[in-house]
């Protein structure tokens, strides 16, 4: 099922339907219960970029026993299931609320801190790579990749980060530097101070989506417009 052109989930215990953007039940026995799902950080990236950072990763075999391997075509293949949708400017179904600050299907990284929301165009993150910003009154740093849609956001307090000289790759930086020259290791869960591994800055759960999807459910969102 779809809600405002976005897929919904259901739980097998009550068959309630859940909004993936808000984590709240929208229809069924749990509707209006006050329940809300926790969010976890996710990353949209390439296999090449991921396995370079995590060489011991295991991966789901395409031999699932349900569909032939040929069913799982790369998204850029013209016969892939969603090729036409991904490469067209419109949506399959009506979307009631739109915002013309970005194109309908521009990809954004959505960030929530406290009760505030902000969207970061992936195209801007691919160019800038390190963005020091604030959301909901909290300092955040957003890291982007020049090679994929991969992006991560972390709390930064009052620190200001910049590129570290030794990290010259095109992916998400693996090391960044603060204004005092301190080095910070970029991990999946934290930014870790290389001089004191007990000092950590937490990663923020984020949502990578089309602009129209994020705006449907966060109409009061701020939008990062670049430097």
N, C-alpha and C. Protein backbone atom coordinates (compact mmCIF):
# COMPACT_ATOMS: atom_id res chain seq x y z
N UNK A 1 0.83 -1.19 0.00
CA UNK A 1 0.00 0.00 0.00
C UNK A 1 0.87 1.25 0.00
N UNK A 2 0.28 2.35 -0.45
CA UNK A 2 0.96 3.63 -0.50
C UNK A 2 0.18 4.68 0.27
N UNK A 3 0.91 5.62 0.85
CA UNK A 3 0.31 6.78 1.51
C UNK A 3 1.06 8.00 1.01
N UNK A 4 0.38 8.85 0.25
CA UNK A 4 1.00 10.00 -0.38
C UNK A 4 2.20 9.57 -1.22
N UNK A 5 2.01 8.50 -1.96
CA UNK A 5 3.01 7.96 -2.88
C UNK A 5 4.25 7.42 -2.17
N UNK A 6 4.10 7.05 -0.90
CA UNK A 6 5.18 6.42 -0.14
C UNK A 6 4.70 5.09 0.42
N UNK A 7 5.55 4.09 0.36
CA UNK A 7 5.19 2.76 0.88
C UNK A 7 4.97 2.80 2.38
N UNK A 8 4.03 1.98 2.83
CA UNK A 8 3.79 1.85 4.27
C UNK A 8 4.17 0.44 4.71
N UNK A 9 4.42 0.29 6.00
CA UNK A 9 4.73 -1.01 6.60
C UNK A 9 3.53 -1.50 7.38
N UNK A 10 3.52 -2.79 7.72
CA UNK A 10 2.52 -3.29 8.66
C UNK A 10 3.20 -4.21 9.64
N UNK A 11 2.64 -4.30 10.84
CA UNK A 11 3.20 -5.24 11.82
C UNK A 11 2.34 -6.50 11.83
N UNK A 12 2.97 -7.64 12.01
CA UNK A 12 2.28 -8.92 11.91
C UNK A 12 1.43 -9.25 13.14
N UNK A 13 1.66 -8.53 14.22
CA UNK A 13 0.90 -8.81 15.44
C UNK A 13 -0.51 -8.22 15.38
N UNK A 14 -0.62 -6.96 14.92
CA UNK A 14 -1.92 -6.29 14.92
C UNK A 14 -2.41 -5.91 13.53
N UNK A 15 -1.52 -6.06 12.51
CA UNK A 15 -1.84 -5.64 11.14
C UNK A 15 -2.07 -4.13 11.03
N UNK A 16 -1.59 -3.37 11.99
CA UNK A 16 -1.64 -1.91 11.86
C UNK A 16 -0.68 -1.46 10.76
N UNK A 17 -1.02 -0.38 10.08
CA UNK A 17 -0.15 0.20 9.06
C UNK A 17 0.66 1.34 9.67
N UNK A 18 1.92 1.44 9.24
CA UNK A 18 2.85 2.39 9.84
C UNK A 18 3.44 3.32 8.78
N UNK A 19 3.57 4.58 9.12
CA UNK A 19 4.20 5.58 8.27
C UNK A 19 5.72 5.47 8.43
N UNK A 20 6.42 5.24 7.33
CA UNK A 20 7.87 5.04 7.42
C UNK A 20 8.62 6.34 7.73
N UNK A 21 8.03 7.50 7.44
CA UNK A 21 8.72 8.76 7.69
C UNK A 21 8.58 9.23 9.13
N UNK A 22 7.46 8.92 9.76
CA UNK A 22 7.25 9.38 11.13
C UNK A 22 7.36 8.26 12.15
N UNK A 23 7.31 7.00 11.70
CA UNK A 23 7.37 5.88 12.63
C UNK A 23 6.11 5.71 13.45
N UNK A 24 4.99 6.25 12.98
CA UNK A 24 3.74 6.20 13.73
C UNK A 24 2.70 5.34 13.01
N UNK A 25 1.82 4.65 13.76
CA UNK A 25 0.75 3.89 13.12
C UNK A 25 -0.31 4.83 12.56
N UNK A 26 -0.78 4.54 11.35
CA UNK A 26 -1.72 5.44 10.69
C UNK A 26 -3.11 4.82 10.51
N UNK A 27 -3.20 3.48 10.51
CA UNK A 27 -4.48 2.79 10.41
C UNK A 27 -4.36 1.49 11.21
N UNK A 28 -5.43 1.08 11.85
CA UNK A 28 -5.43 -0.19 12.55
C UNK A 28 -5.56 -0.04 14.05
N UNK A 29 -5.46 -1.15 14.79
CA UNK A 29 -5.66 -1.14 16.24
C UNK A 29 -4.71 -0.21 16.99
N UNK A 30 -3.52 0.06 16.45
CA UNK A 30 -2.55 0.89 17.17
C UNK A 30 -2.64 2.37 16.81
N UNK A 31 -3.55 2.70 15.87
CA UNK A 31 -3.71 4.11 15.52
C UNK A 31 -4.08 4.94 16.74
N UNK A 32 -3.46 6.10 16.85
CA UNK A 32 -3.75 7.04 17.94
C UNK A 32 -3.34 6.48 19.31
N UNK A 33 -2.41 5.52 19.31
CA UNK A 33 -1.96 4.92 20.57
C UNK A 33 -0.81 5.69 21.21
N UNK A 34 -0.22 6.61 20.45
CA UNK A 34 0.94 7.35 20.96
C UNK A 34 2.26 6.63 20.72
N UNK A 35 2.20 5.44 20.11
CA UNK A 35 3.43 4.69 19.85
C UNK A 35 4.21 5.32 18.70
N UNK A 36 5.51 5.22 18.78
CA UNK A 36 6.38 5.69 17.70
C UNK A 36 7.63 4.82 17.65
N UNK A 37 8.00 4.37 16.47
CA UNK A 37 9.16 3.52 16.31
C UNK A 37 10.45 4.32 16.47
N UNK A 38 11.49 3.65 16.95
CA UNK A 38 12.81 4.26 16.98
C UNK A 38 13.41 4.24 15.58
N UNK A 39 14.24 5.22 15.29
CA UNK A 39 14.92 5.28 14.01
C UNK A 39 16.39 4.92 14.18
N UNK A 40 16.97 4.34 13.15
CA UNK A 40 18.37 3.97 13.16
C UNK A 40 19.07 4.63 11.96
N UNK A 41 20.35 4.92 12.09
CA UNK A 41 21.08 5.47 10.94
C UNK A 41 21.12 4.46 9.79
N UNK A 42 20.91 4.93 8.60
CA UNK A 42 21.04 4.10 7.40
C UNK A 42 21.94 4.82 6.40
N UNK A 43 22.38 4.09 5.39
CA UNK A 43 23.32 4.67 4.43
C UNK A 43 22.99 4.13 3.04
N UNK A 44 22.80 5.02 2.08
CA UNK A 44 22.62 4.63 0.69
C UNK A 44 23.96 4.84 -0.01
N UNK A 45 24.60 3.74 -0.37
CA UNK A 45 25.95 3.84 -0.92
C UNK A 45 26.15 2.77 -1.97
N UNK A 46 27.35 2.68 -2.48
CA UNK A 46 27.69 1.63 -3.45
C UNK A 46 28.41 0.49 -2.72
N UNK A 47 28.35 -0.68 -3.32
CA UNK A 47 29.06 -1.83 -2.74
C UNK A 47 30.56 -1.54 -2.68
N UNK A 48 31.10 -0.92 -3.72
CA UNK A 48 32.53 -0.61 -3.75
C UNK A 48 32.93 0.28 -2.58
N UNK A 49 32.13 1.32 -2.34
CA UNK A 49 32.46 2.26 -1.28
C UNK A 49 32.32 1.61 0.10
N UNK A 50 31.26 0.80 0.25
CA UNK A 50 31.02 0.16 1.55
C UNK A 50 32.11 -0.85 1.89
N UNK A 51 32.44 -1.73 0.94
CA UNK A 51 33.37 -2.81 1.25
C UNK A 51 34.79 -2.28 1.45
N UNK A 52 35.09 -1.11 0.90
CA UNK A 52 36.40 -0.51 1.16
C UNK A 52 36.53 -0.12 2.63
N UNK A 53 35.42 0.34 3.22
CA UNK A 53 35.43 0.71 4.64
C UNK A 53 35.28 -0.50 5.55
N UNK A 54 34.55 -1.52 5.05
CA UNK A 54 34.23 -2.68 5.87
C UNK A 54 34.52 -3.96 5.09
N UNK A 55 35.79 -4.30 4.93
CA UNK A 55 36.18 -5.44 4.08
C UNK A 55 35.69 -6.79 4.58
N UNK A 56 35.31 -6.90 5.85
CA UNK A 56 34.85 -8.18 6.39
C UNK A 56 33.33 -8.33 6.31
N UNK A 57 32.67 -7.44 5.58
CA UNK A 57 31.22 -7.47 5.47
C UNK A 57 30.73 -8.76 4.80
N UNK A 58 29.60 -9.28 5.30
CA UNK A 58 28.89 -10.35 4.59
C UNK A 58 27.77 -9.70 3.78
N UNK A 59 27.32 -10.37 2.74
CA UNK A 59 26.31 -9.79 1.85
C UNK A 59 25.29 -10.86 1.49
N UNK A 60 24.04 -10.47 1.34
CA UNK A 60 22.98 -11.39 0.96
C UNK A 60 23.21 -11.91 -0.45
N UNK A 61 23.23 -13.22 -0.62
CA UNK A 61 23.41 -13.84 -1.92
C UNK A 61 22.16 -13.60 -2.77
N UNK A 62 22.38 -13.33 -4.06
CA UNK A 62 21.23 -13.14 -4.96
C UNK A 62 20.51 -14.45 -5.24
N UNK A 63 21.15 -15.57 -4.90
CA UNK A 63 20.49 -16.88 -5.03
C UNK A 63 19.59 -17.09 -3.82
N UNK A 64 18.43 -16.45 -3.83
CA UNK A 64 17.55 -16.48 -2.66
C UNK A 64 16.60 -17.68 -2.67
N UNK A 65 16.43 -18.32 -3.82
CA UNK A 65 15.47 -19.40 -3.92
C UNK A 65 14.07 -18.94 -4.26
N UNK A 66 13.86 -17.64 -4.33
CA UNK A 66 12.54 -17.10 -4.65
C UNK A 66 12.48 -16.55 -6.07
N UNK A 67 13.54 -15.87 -6.51
CA UNK A 67 13.59 -15.30 -7.85
C UNK A 67 14.94 -15.65 -8.47
N UNK A 68 14.99 -15.75 -9.79
CA UNK A 68 16.29 -16.01 -10.44
C UNK A 68 17.22 -14.81 -10.29
N UNK A 69 18.53 -15.05 -10.41
CA UNK A 69 19.52 -13.99 -10.28
C UNK A 69 19.26 -12.87 -11.27
N UNK A 70 18.79 -13.23 -12.46
CA UNK A 70 18.56 -12.23 -13.50
C UNK A 70 17.46 -11.24 -13.13
N UNK A 71 16.68 -11.56 -12.10
CA UNK A 71 15.62 -10.66 -11.64
C UNK A 71 16.20 -9.42 -10.98
N UNK A 72 17.39 -9.55 -10.38
CA UNK A 72 17.99 -8.47 -9.61
C UNK A 72 18.95 -7.67 -10.49
N UNK A 73 18.39 -6.90 -11.41
CA UNK A 73 19.20 -6.10 -12.31
C UNK A 73 19.66 -4.82 -11.62
N UNK A 74 20.82 -4.29 -12.01
CA UNK A 74 21.25 -3.01 -11.45
C UNK A 74 20.21 -1.93 -11.76
N UNK A 75 20.08 -0.96 -10.87
CA UNK A 75 19.06 0.06 -11.05
C UNK A 75 19.25 0.87 -12.32
N UNK A 76 20.50 0.96 -12.81
CA UNK A 76 20.73 1.74 -14.02
C UNK A 76 20.42 0.96 -15.30
N UNK A 77 20.08 -0.32 -15.16
CA UNK A 77 19.73 -1.14 -16.32
C UNK A 77 18.32 -0.79 -16.79
N UNK A 78 18.14 -0.63 -18.09
CA UNK A 78 16.86 -0.16 -18.63
C UNK A 78 15.71 -1.13 -18.33
N UNK A 79 16.02 -2.40 -18.06
CA UNK A 79 14.96 -3.37 -17.78
C UNK A 79 14.75 -3.59 -16.28
N UNK A 80 15.44 -2.83 -15.45
CA UNK A 80 15.22 -2.91 -14.01
C UNK A 80 13.79 -2.44 -13.69
N UNK A 81 13.21 -3.00 -12.65
CA UNK A 81 11.79 -2.77 -12.36
C UNK A 81 11.45 -1.29 -12.22
N UNK A 82 12.30 -0.54 -11.52
CA UNK A 82 11.97 0.86 -11.26
C UNK A 82 12.77 1.83 -12.13
N UNK A 83 13.36 1.34 -13.21
CA UNK A 83 14.19 2.22 -14.05
C UNK A 83 13.41 3.43 -14.53
N UNK A 84 12.23 3.18 -15.10
CA UNK A 84 11.44 4.29 -15.65
C UNK A 84 11.04 5.29 -14.57
N UNK A 85 10.69 4.76 -13.39
CA UNK A 85 10.28 5.66 -12.31
C UNK A 85 11.45 6.50 -11.82
N UNK A 86 12.60 5.85 -11.64
CA UNK A 86 13.77 6.59 -11.15
C UNK A 86 14.24 7.65 -12.14
N UNK A 87 13.98 7.44 -13.40
CA UNK A 87 14.50 8.34 -14.43
C UNK A 87 13.44 9.25 -15.03
N UNK A 88 12.32 9.39 -14.36
CA UNK A 88 11.29 10.33 -14.79
C UNK A 88 11.10 11.37 -13.69
N UNK A 89 10.64 12.58 -14.04
CA UNK A 89 10.52 13.64 -13.03
C UNK A 89 9.26 13.54 -12.19
N UNK A 90 8.29 12.72 -12.61
CA UNK A 90 7.01 12.69 -11.93
C UNK A 90 6.84 11.52 -10.98
N UNK A 91 5.71 11.51 -10.27
CA UNK A 91 5.35 10.42 -9.38
C UNK A 91 4.25 9.59 -10.02
N UNK A 92 4.13 8.32 -9.61
CA UNK A 92 3.10 7.45 -10.17
C UNK A 92 1.70 7.88 -9.75
N UNK A 93 1.59 8.43 -8.55
CA UNK A 93 0.30 8.81 -8.00
C UNK A 93 0.36 10.25 -7.52
N UNK A 94 -0.81 10.82 -7.29
CA UNK A 94 -0.89 12.23 -6.90
C UNK A 94 -0.19 12.46 -5.57
N UNK A 95 0.49 13.58 -5.48
CA UNK A 95 1.15 14.01 -4.24
C UNK A 95 0.55 15.37 -3.88
N UNK A 96 -0.19 15.45 -2.77
CA UNK A 96 -0.95 16.67 -2.49
C UNK A 96 -0.12 17.90 -2.14
N UNK A 97 0.98 17.73 -1.40
CA UNK A 97 1.78 18.87 -0.96
C UNK A 97 3.13 18.85 -1.65
N UNK A 98 3.47 19.96 -2.28
CA UNK A 98 4.75 20.06 -2.99
C UNK A 98 5.46 21.35 -2.60
N UNK A 99 6.76 21.35 -2.82
CA UNK A 99 7.57 22.52 -2.53
C UNK A 99 8.55 22.70 -3.67
N UNK A 100 8.50 23.86 -4.31
CA UNK A 100 9.29 24.10 -5.52
C UNK A 100 10.72 24.51 -5.29
N UNK A 101 11.18 24.49 -4.05
CA UNK A 101 12.58 24.87 -3.80
C UNK A 101 13.55 23.86 -4.39
N UNK A 102 13.11 22.61 -4.52
CA UNK A 102 13.90 21.58 -5.19
C UNK A 102 13.00 20.86 -6.18
N UNK A 103 13.59 20.13 -7.10
CA UNK A 103 12.82 19.30 -8.02
C UNK A 103 12.17 18.16 -7.24
N UNK A 104 11.06 17.65 -7.75
CA UNK A 104 10.27 16.64 -7.06
C UNK A 104 11.12 15.46 -6.58
N UNK A 105 12.03 14.98 -7.45
CA UNK A 105 12.80 13.79 -7.13
C UNK A 105 14.27 14.07 -6.82
N UNK A 106 14.59 15.30 -6.47
CA UNK A 106 15.93 15.54 -5.94
C UNK A 106 16.09 14.73 -4.66
N UNK A 107 17.24 14.09 -4.50
CA UNK A 107 17.48 13.24 -3.32
C UNK A 107 18.02 14.11 -2.19
N UNK A 108 17.44 13.93 -1.00
CA UNK A 108 17.88 14.70 0.16
C UNK A 108 18.20 13.76 1.32
N UNK A 109 19.05 14.24 2.20
CA UNK A 109 19.29 13.59 3.48
C UNK A 109 18.46 14.34 4.51
N UNK A 110 17.46 13.67 5.10
CA UNK A 110 16.61 14.30 6.09
C UNK A 110 17.15 14.07 7.49
N UNK A 111 17.26 15.15 8.26
CA UNK A 111 17.82 15.09 9.61
C UNK A 111 16.79 15.64 10.59
N UNK A 112 16.59 14.93 11.70
CA UNK A 112 15.74 15.40 12.79
C UNK A 112 16.57 15.51 14.06
N UNK A 113 16.51 16.68 14.70
CA UNK A 113 17.12 16.88 16.01
C UNK A 113 16.07 17.56 16.88
N UNK A 114 15.79 16.97 18.04
CA UNK A 114 14.69 17.43 18.89
C UNK A 114 13.40 17.39 18.05
N UNK A 115 12.70 18.49 17.94
CA UNK A 115 11.48 18.50 17.14
C UNK A 115 11.65 19.30 15.85
N UNK A 116 12.88 19.45 15.40
CA UNK A 116 13.16 20.23 14.19
C UNK A 116 13.68 19.33 13.08
N UNK A 117 13.40 19.73 11.84
CA UNK A 117 13.76 18.93 10.68
C UNK A 117 14.53 19.80 9.68
N UNK A 118 15.48 19.16 9.00
CA UNK A 118 16.22 19.87 7.96
C UNK A 118 16.61 18.89 6.87
N UNK A 119 16.51 19.33 5.63
CA UNK A 119 16.86 18.49 4.48
C UNK A 119 18.12 19.04 3.82
N UNK A 120 19.04 18.12 3.50
CA UNK A 120 20.29 18.47 2.84
C UNK A 120 20.32 17.83 1.47
N UNK A 121 20.29 18.61 0.39
CA UNK A 121 20.36 18.01 -0.95
C UNK A 121 21.65 17.20 -1.10
N UNK A 122 21.51 15.97 -1.55
CA UNK A 122 22.69 15.11 -1.71
C UNK A 122 23.67 15.73 -2.71
N UNK A 123 23.15 16.42 -3.71
CA UNK A 123 24.04 17.06 -4.69
C UNK A 123 24.96 18.07 -4.02
N UNK A 124 24.45 18.81 -3.04
CA UNK A 124 25.29 19.78 -2.31
C UNK A 124 26.32 19.06 -1.45
N UNK A 125 25.90 17.95 -0.81
CA UNK A 125 26.83 17.20 0.03
C UNK A 125 27.93 16.55 -0.80
N UNK A 126 27.60 16.10 -2.01
CA UNK A 126 28.61 15.51 -2.88
C UNK A 126 29.68 16.52 -3.25
N UNK A 127 29.31 17.78 -3.31
CA UNK A 127 30.26 18.83 -3.67
C UNK A 127 31.03 19.35 -2.45
N UNK A 128 30.31 19.59 -1.35
CA UNK A 128 30.93 20.23 -0.20
C UNK A 128 31.62 19.24 0.74
N UNK A 129 31.10 18.03 0.84
CA UNK A 129 31.69 16.93 1.60
C UNK A 129 31.58 17.09 3.11
N UNK A 130 31.85 18.27 3.68
CA UNK A 130 31.76 18.50 5.12
C UNK A 130 30.96 19.77 5.35
N UNK A 131 29.82 19.63 6.04
CA UNK A 131 28.95 20.78 6.30
C UNK A 131 28.76 20.93 7.80
N UNK A 132 29.22 22.05 8.35
CA UNK A 132 28.96 22.40 9.76
C UNK A 132 27.69 23.23 9.81
N UNK A 133 26.72 22.78 10.60
CA UNK A 133 25.42 23.43 10.58
C UNK A 133 24.76 23.27 11.95
N UNK A 134 23.51 23.70 12.07
CA UNK A 134 22.75 23.54 13.30
C UNK A 134 21.32 23.13 12.95
N UNK A 135 20.77 22.20 13.74
CA UNK A 135 19.39 21.76 13.60
C UNK A 135 18.79 21.66 15.00
N UNK A 136 17.63 22.25 15.20
CA UNK A 136 16.98 22.16 16.49
C UNK A 136 17.81 22.72 17.63
N UNK A 137 18.61 23.73 17.34
CA UNK A 137 19.44 24.34 18.37
C UNK A 137 20.70 23.57 18.71
N UNK A 138 20.98 22.49 17.98
CA UNK A 138 22.17 21.67 18.22
C UNK A 138 23.12 21.75 17.04
N UNK A 139 24.41 21.81 17.33
CA UNK A 139 25.40 21.79 16.26
C UNK A 139 25.49 20.40 15.64
N UNK A 140 25.49 20.34 14.32
CA UNK A 140 25.62 19.07 13.61
C UNK A 140 26.69 19.23 12.53
N UNK A 141 27.30 18.12 12.16
CA UNK A 141 28.18 18.08 11.01
C UNK A 141 27.69 16.97 10.09
N UNK A 142 27.55 17.29 8.82
CA UNK A 142 27.04 16.35 7.83
C UNK A 142 28.16 16.05 6.84
N UNK A 143 28.43 14.76 6.63
CA UNK A 143 29.52 14.33 5.75
C UNK A 143 28.94 13.68 4.50
N UNK A 144 29.44 14.06 3.34
CA UNK A 144 28.95 13.52 2.09
C UNK A 144 30.04 12.83 1.30
N UNK A 145 29.60 12.08 0.30
CA UNK A 145 30.51 11.37 -0.60
C UNK A 145 30.40 11.96 -1.99
N UNK A 146 31.54 12.11 -2.67
CA UNK A 146 31.52 12.57 -4.04
C UNK A 146 31.20 11.45 -5.01
N UNK A 147 31.17 10.20 -4.52
CA UNK A 147 31.03 9.04 -5.40
C UNK A 147 29.67 8.34 -5.29
N UNK A 148 28.85 8.75 -4.32
CA UNK A 148 27.57 8.05 -4.13
C UNK A 148 26.61 8.98 -3.41
N UNK A 149 25.43 8.44 -3.07
CA UNK A 149 24.46 9.20 -2.27
C UNK A 149 24.73 9.04 -0.77
N UNK A 150 25.82 8.40 -0.43
CA UNK A 150 26.14 8.17 0.97
C UNK A 150 26.35 9.46 1.72
N UNK A 151 25.77 9.56 2.91
CA UNK A 151 25.94 10.73 3.77
C UNK A 151 25.66 10.32 5.21
N UNK A 152 26.37 10.94 6.14
CA UNK A 152 26.17 10.69 7.56
C UNK A 152 26.09 12.03 8.29
N UNK A 153 25.35 12.05 9.40
CA UNK A 153 25.26 13.26 10.22
C UNK A 153 25.61 12.91 11.66
N UNK A 154 26.33 13.82 12.32
CA UNK A 154 26.76 13.62 13.70
C UNK A 154 26.52 14.90 14.49
N UNK A 155 26.29 14.76 15.79
CA UNK A 155 26.30 15.91 16.67
C UNK A 155 27.74 16.40 16.78
N UNK A 156 27.94 17.71 16.83
CA UNK A 156 29.31 18.24 16.89
C UNK A 156 29.53 19.20 18.05
N UNK A 157 28.47 19.50 18.83
CA UNK A 157 28.63 20.48 19.90
C UNK A 157 29.01 21.83 19.32
N UNK A 158 30.05 22.45 19.87
CA UNK A 158 30.51 23.74 19.34
C UNK A 158 31.76 23.59 18.48
N UNK A 159 32.13 22.37 18.14
CA UNK A 159 33.31 22.15 17.30
C UNK A 159 32.99 22.47 15.84
N UNK A 160 34.01 22.90 15.12
CA UNK A 160 33.90 23.15 13.68
C UNK A 160 34.89 22.23 12.98
N UNK A 161 34.40 21.46 12.03
CA UNK A 161 35.24 20.46 11.38
C UNK A 161 35.60 20.86 9.96
N UNK A 162 36.72 20.31 9.50
CA UNK A 162 37.18 20.52 8.13
C UNK A 162 37.89 19.27 7.66
N UNK A 163 38.27 19.26 6.39
CA UNK A 163 38.94 18.09 5.84
C UNK A 163 40.30 17.91 6.50
N UNK A 164 40.67 16.66 6.71
CA UNK A 164 42.00 16.33 7.21
C UNK A 164 42.90 16.06 6.01
N UNK A 165 44.11 16.54 6.06
CA UNK A 165 45.00 16.46 4.90
C UNK A 165 45.25 15.06 4.40
N UNK A 166 45.24 14.08 5.31
CA UNK A 166 45.61 12.72 4.88
C UNK A 166 44.46 11.97 4.22
N UNK A 167 43.24 12.56 4.21
CA UNK A 167 42.08 11.86 3.66
C UNK A 167 41.74 12.47 2.31
N UNK A 168 42.28 11.91 1.23
CA UNK A 168 42.09 12.49 -0.08
C UNK A 168 41.16 11.70 -0.98
N UNK A 169 40.40 10.76 -0.44
CA UNK A 169 39.50 9.95 -1.25
C UNK A 169 38.26 10.70 -1.68
N UNK A 170 37.41 10.01 -2.46
CA UNK A 170 36.19 10.64 -2.97
C UNK A 170 34.96 10.20 -2.18
N UNK A 171 35.11 9.20 -1.30
CA UNK A 171 33.98 8.75 -0.51
C UNK A 171 33.77 9.62 0.72
N UNK A 172 32.89 9.16 1.62
CA UNK A 172 32.72 9.87 2.88
C UNK A 172 34.07 9.91 3.59
N UNK A 173 34.50 11.06 4.08
CA UNK A 173 35.81 11.13 4.73
C UNK A 173 35.92 10.12 5.87
N UNK A 174 37.07 9.48 5.98
CA UNK A 174 37.29 8.54 7.08
C UNK A 174 37.91 9.21 8.28
N UNK A 175 38.51 10.40 8.05
CA UNK A 175 39.10 11.20 9.11
C UNK A 175 38.79 12.66 8.83
N UNK A 176 38.37 13.40 9.86
CA UNK A 176 38.18 14.84 9.72
C UNK A 176 38.92 15.54 10.84
N UNK A 177 39.14 16.84 10.70
CA UNK A 177 39.91 17.61 11.68
C UNK A 177 39.06 18.70 12.29
N UNK A 178 39.30 19.00 13.58
CA UNK A 178 38.63 20.13 14.21
C UNK A 178 39.49 21.38 14.08
N UNK A 179 38.98 22.51 14.56
CA UNK A 179 39.67 23.78 14.37
C UNK A 179 41.01 23.85 15.09
N UNK A 180 41.19 22.99 16.10
CA UNK A 180 42.46 22.96 16.83
C UNK A 180 43.46 21.98 16.23
N UNK A 181 43.11 21.37 15.12
CA UNK A 181 44.00 20.42 14.48
C UNK A 181 43.83 19.00 14.95
N UNK A 182 42.90 18.76 15.88
CA UNK A 182 42.65 17.40 16.35
C UNK A 182 42.02 16.54 15.28
N UNK A 183 42.39 15.26 15.25
CA UNK A 183 41.86 14.33 14.25
C UNK A 183 40.73 13.50 14.86
N UNK A 184 39.69 13.29 14.07
CA UNK A 184 38.52 12.52 14.50
C UNK A 184 38.24 11.42 13.49
N UNK A 185 38.16 10.20 14.00
CA UNK A 185 37.87 9.04 13.16
C UNK A 185 36.37 8.97 12.90
N UNK A 186 35.99 8.76 11.64
CA UNK A 186 34.58 8.65 11.25
C UNK A 186 34.19 7.18 11.28
N UNK A 187 33.28 6.81 12.17
CA UNK A 187 32.81 5.43 12.25
C UNK A 187 31.30 5.40 12.01
N UNK A 188 30.74 4.19 11.96
CA UNK A 188 29.31 4.07 11.70
C UNK A 188 28.46 4.62 12.85
N UNK A 189 28.99 4.62 14.07
CA UNK A 189 28.21 5.06 15.22
C UNK A 189 28.63 6.40 15.79
N UNK A 190 29.92 6.75 15.65
CA UNK A 190 30.43 7.94 16.31
C UNK A 190 31.50 8.62 15.46
N UNK A 191 31.76 9.90 15.81
CA UNK A 191 33.04 10.53 15.52
C UNK A 191 33.89 10.32 16.76
N UNK A 192 35.09 9.78 16.58
CA UNK A 192 35.92 9.40 17.73
C UNK A 192 37.21 10.23 17.71
N UNK A 193 37.49 10.87 18.82
CA UNK A 193 38.70 11.66 18.95
C UNK A 193 39.91 10.73 18.92
N UNK A 194 40.78 10.90 17.92
CA UNK A 194 41.93 10.00 17.77
C UNK A 194 42.90 10.11 18.93
N UNK A 195 42.91 11.25 19.63
CA UNK A 195 43.82 11.44 20.76
C UNK A 195 43.24 10.92 22.07
N UNK A 196 41.92 10.72 22.10
CA UNK A 196 41.26 10.24 23.31
C UNK A 196 40.01 9.47 22.89
N UNK A 197 40.15 8.16 22.76
CA UNK A 197 39.08 7.34 22.21
C UNK A 197 37.85 7.27 23.10
N UNK A 198 37.93 7.83 24.31
CA UNK A 198 36.74 7.89 25.15
C UNK A 198 35.84 9.07 24.78
N UNK A 199 36.36 9.99 23.98
CA UNK A 199 35.57 11.15 23.57
C UNK A 199 34.91 10.85 22.23
N UNK A 200 33.58 10.80 22.24
CA UNK A 200 32.83 10.40 21.06
C UNK A 200 31.67 11.36 20.82
N UNK A 201 31.36 11.58 19.54
CA UNK A 201 30.20 12.38 19.14
C UNK A 201 29.24 11.47 18.39
N UNK A 202 28.00 11.42 18.84
CA UNK A 202 27.04 10.43 18.35
C UNK A 202 26.55 10.73 16.94
N UNK A 203 26.32 9.66 16.19
CA UNK A 203 25.70 9.77 14.88
C UNK A 203 24.20 9.98 15.04
N UNK A 204 23.61 10.74 14.12
CA UNK A 204 22.18 11.05 14.15
C UNK A 204 21.47 10.16 13.13
N UNK A 205 20.36 9.51 13.51
CA UNK A 205 19.57 8.78 12.52
C UNK A 205 19.09 9.73 11.42
N UNK A 206 19.19 9.31 10.18
CA UNK A 206 18.79 10.14 9.04
C UNK A 206 17.92 9.34 8.09
N UNK A 207 17.32 10.04 7.13
CA UNK A 207 16.42 9.40 6.18
C UNK A 207 16.77 9.92 4.79
N UNK A 208 17.25 9.06 3.91
CA UNK A 208 17.55 9.44 2.53
C UNK A 208 16.31 9.19 1.68
N UNK A 209 15.84 10.22 0.99
CA UNK A 209 14.59 10.07 0.23
C UNK A 209 14.53 11.11 -0.87
N UNK A 210 13.49 10.98 -1.70
CA UNK A 210 13.18 12.05 -2.63
C UNK A 210 12.65 13.25 -1.84
N UNK A 211 12.87 14.43 -2.41
CA UNK A 211 12.42 15.66 -1.77
C UNK A 211 10.91 15.64 -1.54
N UNK A 212 10.12 15.17 -2.51
CA UNK A 212 8.67 15.20 -2.33
C UNK A 212 8.24 14.33 -1.16
N UNK A 213 8.93 13.20 -0.95
CA UNK A 213 8.57 12.30 0.14
C UNK A 213 8.85 12.92 1.49
N UNK A 214 10.05 13.51 1.65
CA UNK A 214 10.40 14.15 2.90
C UNK A 214 9.44 15.29 3.21
N UNK A 215 9.12 16.11 2.21
CA UNK A 215 8.28 17.29 2.43
C UNK A 215 6.84 16.90 2.77
N UNK A 216 6.37 15.77 2.25
CA UNK A 216 5.00 15.35 2.54
C UNK A 216 4.72 15.25 4.04
N UNK A 217 5.71 14.79 4.77
CA UNK A 217 5.49 14.49 6.19
C UNK A 217 6.25 15.43 7.12
N UNK A 218 7.05 16.32 6.53
CA UNK A 218 7.76 17.32 7.33
C UNK A 218 7.66 18.66 6.61
N UNK A 219 6.43 19.16 6.52
CA UNK A 219 6.17 20.38 5.77
C UNK A 219 6.84 21.61 6.34
N UNK A 220 7.23 21.56 7.62
CA UNK A 220 7.90 22.70 8.24
C UNK A 220 9.42 22.56 8.19
N UNK A 221 9.91 21.67 7.35
CA UNK A 221 11.35 21.41 7.30
C UNK A 221 12.13 22.63 6.84
N UNK A 222 13.32 22.80 7.39
CA UNK A 222 14.28 23.73 6.82
C UNK A 222 14.97 23.05 5.64
N UNK A 223 15.59 23.83 4.79
CA UNK A 223 16.30 23.29 3.64
C UNK A 223 17.68 23.93 3.57
N UNK A 224 18.70 23.09 3.57
CA UNK A 224 20.07 23.59 3.42
C UNK A 224 20.26 24.02 1.97
N UNK A 225 20.73 25.25 1.78
CA UNK A 225 20.85 25.81 0.44
C UNK A 225 22.29 25.93 -0.03
N UNK A 226 23.22 25.37 0.71
CA UNK A 226 24.63 25.40 0.29
C UNK A 226 25.37 26.61 0.84
N UNK A 227 26.65 26.57 0.68
CA UNK A 227 27.47 27.66 1.20
C UNK A 227 27.19 28.94 0.42
